[in-house]
Amino acid sequence: MTKITAIIPTLNEEIHISNAIKSVSFADEIIVIDSFSKDNTVALAEKHNVKIIKRKFDDFSSQKNFAIDQAKYPWIYILDTDERVTPEVENEILEAVKNPKDFVGFNVRRTFFFCGSKINYGGCQRDKVIRLFLKEYCKYSGVVHERIVANGKVGFFKNKIDHYSYKSYDHYISKMNHYGQLRAQQFFEEGRTVNLFHILIKPPARFFIHYIVRLGFLDGFPGFVFAKTQAYGVLTKYIKLWLLNRKLK
C-alpha cells in the first residue's frame, strides 16, 4: 500500500520530458502516456526506466484514467511535464503514503512561472491540484479542465511544486488555442451558440478579474501579459465555437 506509480501525459514535450521523469524518480513505477508525439519525446523517455504507452488523445480525463488503469500500484502521482516536484514535496509524498491518515488524495499548490517570471498573483496564488491519490477512490472527470473526483477525504501538502507552464509566449498561445478548440468542441456538442456578450464582454471581464480583482497588477508587466492572454483564451474559445456553428474551421 506504500508503492507509487507516477504518470506523465505527453504530447511533443521533448524540452521537458527528461527533467519531468527525474522529478518523479522516487516512484516505484513511472508511466509515460504519449499522444503520438511528433518530436523526440518518446526517444528521450526511452532512455529512462519507464513504461511507455501510446494512445490517441480524445480528452484529458480519458487519457489520464486510461493510464491509471494500467498502473501496478495503489498510489498514483500525476505529473504534467512542465511541473517539478521539489525535495520538500517529495518528502511529503513519501510520508503521506506511509501514513495517509484516512485521506484518499492530497492537493498540492504550485509556484507558477510565466515566460521566465514568477507570477505571484492574478489568481495563481489560489492554484492547487490533486496530484497524489489512491486509484481505488479517485478518477478524473471533465474534458478540458479535468479534475479529480474523490470518494473520500482530501488533504493538503504544505510545500509547493514548481510549474513552468509556458516555455515562451508562442508556446503559451499555442496551448491557449489547443484548449480553446477542445472547449469549443465541447460547447458545440452541447448545442451552445455565440452572441456579442461572449465576444465583447467576457474577454475584457476575464482580464479585469485576473489583473484587478486577483491583483495581477502587483506582478508588473508579466502580470499584465498573463491577464491579457487569459482574456485571449476566452475570446479564441468563442471564435472557434462560432466557426464550428458555421461549419467552418
Foldseek 3Di string as FASTA:
>chain_A
DLAEEEEEEDAQPPVQQVQQCVLVVVHPAYEYEYQPHPDCNVVNVVVDRHHYHYDHDDFDQVSVQVVLVVDPDFKYFYDYSQWGHDPLVVVVSSVCSVPVPFAFWEKAQEFEDDARRTQCWLCSVVDIATGIGGSVFWGWDDGQPIHIDGPTHYYYDPHHIYGDPANHPVRLLVVLLVSLLRVLVVCVVVVDADDVCQQPPQLVVQLCCRVPVGVLCVRPPVSNVVSNVSSVSSNSSNVSNNQVVVVHD
